[in-house]
């Protein structure tokens, strides 16, 4: 039954419960959902409410309907991303780690460069890089895709004294990505710090990532350091919250 103490509409409550069961693995990819009649009886709602719930989850990509058969959990509705795998420089001749990591999941990864130039960064980035209030940084804005579908928006900022006049400031792809280039420049990244939050998308993010209505995004604010603890990169990475999970492997202390 729906919870009368929950102020959300019944169809949102039902969608939230089914979504949680999919994300926890209780409903496996390819599993068939109970019939509409069974869902109506289970939650004590009308056919219209059940259909609205299923429509929400279909739009989000969790479910797929098969005419004359029923409604099923979509194969691979979520993807686990291990941020640490994107930090080491690529091997000589290898593409950006976004491409190689996608290939491990049988996906085609690519990057689309949206903007490159000097810009005044947000206060959070400015503080991380130690810039003055009116300071500027070299900014690279990219849209990352998987199998041709938008997956992540990234804005990366670099101090102008290290980036100006380099490939970081060039509107072209960087062979092997920024970790490879920074290593070649004598500033190999050795540590990164992530701060992760969840919020509703901005208009730009909603459109660029082709998000369903009312879906939050995962926002990662990342600072990259050299061995001397010098901050050389600060990035804001935004992913669809209903598609991606972040996986970290941490040693026990």
Protein backbone atom coordinates (compact mmCIF):
# COMPACT_ATOMS: atom_id res chain seq x y z
CA UNK A 1 0.00 0.00 0.00
CA UNK A 2 1.09 3.58 -0.56
CA UNK A 3 2.08 5.54 2.53
CA UNK A 4 -0.57 8.11 3.39
CA UNK A 5 2.02 9.94 5.47
CA UNK A 6 4.16 10.52 2.38
CA UNK A 7 3.13 13.83 0.78
CA UNK A 8 4.18 12.70 -2.70
CA UNK A 9 1.54 11.59 -5.20
CA UNK A 10 0.92 7.80 -5.11
CA UNK A 11 2.45 7.24 -8.56
CA UNK A 12 5.71 8.83 -7.42
CA UNK A 13 5.81 6.65 -4.31
CA UNK A 14 5.28 3.50 -6.36
CA UNK A 15 7.94 4.53 -8.89
CA UNK A 16 10.36 5.23 -6.04
CA UNK A 17 9.82 1.79 -4.52
CA UNK A 18 10.24 -0.05 -7.81
CA UNK A 19 13.30 2.08 -8.64
CA UNK A 20 14.85 1.22 -5.27
CA UNK A 21 14.26 -2.50 -5.84
CA UNK A 22 15.97 -2.29 -9.23
CA UNK A 23 18.93 -0.37 -7.85
CA UNK A 24 19.34 -2.81 -4.95
CA UNK A 25 19.31 -5.84 -7.26
CA UNK A 26 16.04 -7.25 -5.94
CA UNK A 27 14.62 -6.77 -9.44
CA UNK A 28 17.27 -8.02 -11.84
CA UNK A 29 17.84 -6.82 -15.42
CA UNK A 30 15.39 -8.62 -17.68
CA UNK A 31 12.99 -9.43 -14.83
CA UNK A 32 9.31 -9.15 -15.64
CA UNK A 33 7.24 -6.90 -13.40
CA UNK A 34 3.99 -8.14 -11.88
CA UNK A 35 0.87 -7.49 -13.93
CA UNK A 36 -0.99 -4.22 -13.70
CA UNK A 37 -3.73 -5.95 -11.74
CA UNK A 38 -1.20 -7.31 -9.25
CA UNK A 39 0.40 -3.89 -8.80
CA UNK A 40 -3.03 -2.31 -8.32
CA UNK A 41 -3.83 -4.84 -5.58
CA UNK A 42 -0.40 -4.56 -3.96
CA UNK A 43 -0.46 -0.77 -3.68
CA UNK A 44 -4.21 -0.23 -3.41
CA UNK A 45 -4.35 2.19 -6.34
CA UNK A 46 -6.13 2.51 -9.68
CA UNK A 47 -4.94 1.36 -13.09
CA UNK A 48 -4.23 4.98 -14.04
CA UNK A 49 -1.90 5.41 -11.05
CA UNK A 50 0.02 2.25 -11.93
CA UNK A 51 0.40 3.35 -15.54
CA UNK A 52 1.72 6.75 -14.44
CA UNK A 53 4.29 5.01 -12.22
CA UNK A 54 5.47 2.76 -15.03
CA UNK A 55 5.61 5.70 -17.44
CA UNK A 56 7.99 7.53 -15.08
CA UNK A 57 10.33 4.54 -14.89
CA UNK A 58 10.20 3.95 -18.64
CA UNK A 59 11.17 7.57 -19.25
CA UNK A 60 14.08 7.22 -16.83
CA UNK A 61 15.26 4.09 -18.63
CA UNK A 62 14.63 1.58 -15.84
CA UNK A 63 11.79 -0.26 -17.55
CA UNK A 64 10.83 -1.28 -21.06
CA UNK A 65 7.42 -2.38 -22.29
CA UNK A 66 6.99 -5.28 -24.72
CA UNK A 67 3.71 -5.32 -26.56
CA UNK A 68 1.61 -8.33 -25.68
CA UNK A 69 4.18 -9.55 -23.15
CA UNK A 70 4.48 -7.13 -20.24
CA UNK A 71 6.88 -4.68 -18.64
CA UNK A 72 10.50 -5.66 -17.95
CA UNK A 73 13.53 -4.25 -16.19
CA UNK A 74 15.82 -2.88 -18.86
CA UNK A 75 19.17 -4.61 -19.30
CA UNK A 76 21.98 -2.70 -17.57
CA UNK A 77 19.80 0.18 -16.33
CA UNK A 78 22.71 1.48 -14.23
CA UNK A 79 26.46 1.77 -14.65
CA UNK A 80 29.07 1.75 -11.92
CA UNK A 81 31.94 4.17 -12.52
CA UNK A 82 35.25 3.83 -10.67
CA UNK A 83 36.73 7.37 -10.63
CA UNK A 84 40.23 6.17 -9.75
CA UNK A 85 40.47 4.33 -13.07
CA UNK A 86 40.37 7.66 -14.94
CA UNK A 87 43.28 9.28 -13.13
CA UNK A 88 46.46 7.46 -14.28
CA UNK A 89 48.03 8.63 -17.58
CA UNK A 90 47.16 6.50 -20.57
CA UNK A 91 49.81 4.15 -21.94
CA UNK A 92 51.70 5.45 -24.99
CA UNK A 93 49.45 5.36 -28.04
CA UNK A 94 46.36 4.55 -25.98
CA UNK A 95 43.24 6.78 -26.12
CA UNK A 96 41.69 8.69 -23.25
CA UNK A 97 40.70 6.49 -20.30
CA UNK A 98 37.04 7.37 -20.93
CA UNK A 99 37.31 5.37 -24.16
CA UNK A 100 39.23 2.42 -22.72
CA UNK A 101 37.04 2.13 -19.61
CA UNK A 102 33.90 2.26 -21.74
CA UNK A 103 35.26 -0.53 -23.94
CA UNK A 104 35.63 -2.74 -20.86
CA UNK A 105 31.85 -2.44 -20.45
CA UNK A 106 31.27 -3.11 -24.16
CA UNK A 107 30.40 0.54 -24.77
CA UNK A 108 31.71 3.12 -27.24
CA UNK A 109 33.07 6.16 -25.43
CA UNK A 110 33.80 9.51 -26.99
CA UNK A 111 34.28 13.14 -25.99
CA UNK A 112 32.77 16.21 -27.60
CA UNK A 113 34.60 19.48 -26.89
CA UNK A 114 32.08 22.27 -26.28
CA UNK A 115 34.32 25.18 -25.29
CA UNK A 116 37.95 25.95 -24.47
CA UNK A 117 39.31 29.29 -23.30
CA UNK A 118 40.26 31.50 -20.40
CA UNK A 119 37.42 32.24 -18.02
CA UNK A 120 36.65 33.36 -14.49
CA UNK A 121 35.95 30.15 -12.61
CA UNK A 122 33.33 29.63 -9.88
CA UNK A 123 34.39 30.58 -6.36
CA UNK A 124 34.84 26.93 -5.36
CA UNK A 125 37.29 26.36 -8.21
CA UNK A 126 39.03 29.68 -7.59
CA UNK A 127 39.64 28.77 -3.95
CA UNK A 128 40.85 25.28 -4.83
CA UNK A 129 43.42 26.62 -7.31
CA UNK A 130 44.46 29.50 -5.07
CA UNK A 131 43.38 32.19 -7.54
CA UNK A 132 42.57 35.79 -6.63
CA UNK A 133 38.94 36.93 -6.65
CA UNK A 134 39.12 38.23 -10.22
CA UNK A 135 41.55 35.56 -11.41
CA UNK A 136 41.09 33.52 -14.56
CA UNK A 137 41.87 29.93 -15.47
CA UNK A 138 42.02 27.89 -18.63
CA UNK A 139 38.72 26.07 -18.94
CA UNK A 140 37.87 22.95 -20.95
CA UNK A 141 34.17 22.12 -21.28
CA UNK A 142 33.31 18.67 -22.66
CA UNK A 143 30.32 16.43 -23.16
CA UNK A 144 31.16 12.76 -22.69
CA UNK A 145 29.12 10.17 -24.58
CA UNK A 146 28.53 6.44 -24.35
CA UNK A 147 27.22 4.72 -27.46
CA UNK A 148 26.39 8.16 -28.82
CA UNK A 149 24.24 9.09 -25.82
CA UNK A 150 25.10 11.99 -23.45
CA UNK A 151 26.60 10.66 -20.23
CA UNK A 152 28.53 13.41 -18.45
CA UNK A 153 29.29 17.12 -18.58
CA UNK A 154 32.76 18.18 -17.45
CA UNK A 155 34.27 21.59 -16.87
CA UNK A 156 37.97 21.39 -16.02
CA UNK A 157 40.03 24.41 -14.94
CA UNK A 158 43.81 24.83 -14.97
CA UNK A 159 46.05 27.65 -13.69
CA UNK A 160 46.96 29.87 -16.63
CA UNK A 161 50.66 29.78 -15.75
CA UNK A 162 50.81 26.08 -16.56
CA UNK A 163 48.10 25.80 -19.24
CA UNK A 164 48.44 28.90 -21.42
CA UNK A 165 50.08 28.06 -24.75
CA UNK A 166 49.75 24.27 -24.24
CA UNK A 167 47.34 21.66 -25.55
CA UNK A 168 45.22 22.32 -22.46
CA UNK A 169 44.28 25.67 -24.00
CA UNK A 170 43.79 24.23 -27.48
CA UNK A 171 40.33 23.30 -28.75
CA UNK A 172 41.41 19.89 -29.83
CA UNK A 173 41.35 16.50 -28.17
CA UNK A 174 44.35 15.75 -25.97
CA UNK A 175 45.90 12.38 -26.85
CA UNK A 176 45.53 10.23 -23.75
CA UNK A 177 43.69 12.98 -21.89
CA UNK A 178 44.88 15.63 -19.43
CA UNK A 179 46.61 13.18 -17.01
CA UNK A 180 48.89 12.10 -19.86
CA UNK A 181 49.63 15.66 -20.94
CA UNK A 182 50.27 16.89 -17.39
CA UNK A 183 52.67 13.99 -16.87
CA UNK A 184 54.49 14.89 -20.08
CA UNK A 185 54.71 18.49 -18.78
CA UNK A 186 56.50 17.28 -15.63
CA UNK A 187 53.48 17.54 -13.33
CA UNK A 188 52.13 14.00 -12.99
CA UNK A 189 48.87 13.83 -11.04
CA UNK A 190 49.38 11.72 -7.92
CA UNK A 191 46.29 12.46 -5.83
CA UNK A 192 42.72 13.58 -6.34
CA UNK A 193 40.07 14.65 -3.87
CA UNK A 194 36.40 14.24 -4.73
CA UNK A 195 33.48 16.03 -3.12
CA UNK A 196 30.18 14.50 -4.24
CA UNK A 197 26.72 15.99 -3.96
CA UNK A 198 23.26 15.46 -5.44
CA UNK A 199 21.03 18.22 -6.76
CA UNK A 200 18.48 18.94 -9.47
CA UNK A 201 20.02 19.83 -12.85
CA UNK A 202 20.45 23.30 -14.25
CA UNK A 203 18.73 24.05 -17.56
CA UNK A 204 22.03 23.52 -19.40
CA UNK A 205 22.54 20.12 -17.77
CA UNK A 206 18.93 19.07 -18.30
CA UNK A 207 19.14 19.76 -22.03
CA UNK A 208 22.71 18.55 -22.68
CA UNK A 209 22.30 15.27 -20.79
CA UNK A 210 18.78 14.71 -22.17
CA UNK A 211 17.42 14.02 -18.70
CA UNK A 212 13.91 12.90 -17.78
CA UNK A 213 11.84 15.25 -15.64
CA UNK A 214 12.64 15.52 -11.92
CA UNK A 215 15.79 13.38 -12.07
CA UNK A 216 18.71 14.62 -9.93
CA UNK A 217 22.32 14.72 -11.06
CA UNK A 218 25.47 13.50 -9.36
CA UNK A 219 27.87 16.41 -9.05
CA UNK A 220 31.53 15.66 -8.39
CA UNK A 221 33.93 18.46 -7.54
CA UNK A 222 37.45 17.15 -8.06
CA UNK A 223 40.83 18.67 -7.21
CA UNK A 224 43.96 17.06 -8.69
CA UNK A 225 47.35 17.45 -6.98
CA UNK A 226 51.00 16.87 -7.80
CA UNK A 227 53.38 15.09 -5.45
CA UNK A 228 54.17 18.51 -3.91
CA UNK A 229 50.42 18.92 -3.16
CA UNK A 230 50.16 21.62 -5.81
CA UNK A 231 46.63 21.87 -7.22
CA UNK A 232 46.90 21.66 -11.01
CA UNK A 233 43.33 20.88 -12.01
CA UNK A 234 39.86 21.46 -10.60
CA UNK A 235 36.84 19.93 -12.33
CA UNK A 236 33.09 19.85 -12.01
CA UNK A 237 31.64 16.58 -13.35
CA UNK A 238 27.89 16.13 -13.70
CA UNK A 239 26.21 12.78 -14.39
CA UNK A 240 22.62 11.61 -14.49
CA UNK A 241 21.80 10.35 -10.99
CA UNK A 242 19.47 7.60 -12.18
CA UNK A 243 22.06 6.07 -14.54
CA UNK A 244 25.39 6.15 -12.73
CA UNK A 245 26.79 4.95 -9.43
CA UNK A 246 30.28 5.79 -8.16
CA UNK A 247 32.51 3.00 -6.90
CA UNK A 248 35.51 3.66 -4.63
CA UNK A 249 38.07 1.19 -3.35
CA UNK A 250 39.66 2.45 -0.15
CA UNK A 251 42.32 0.72 2.00
CA UNK A 252 41.37 -0.08 5.59
CA UNK A 253 43.28 2.00 8.10
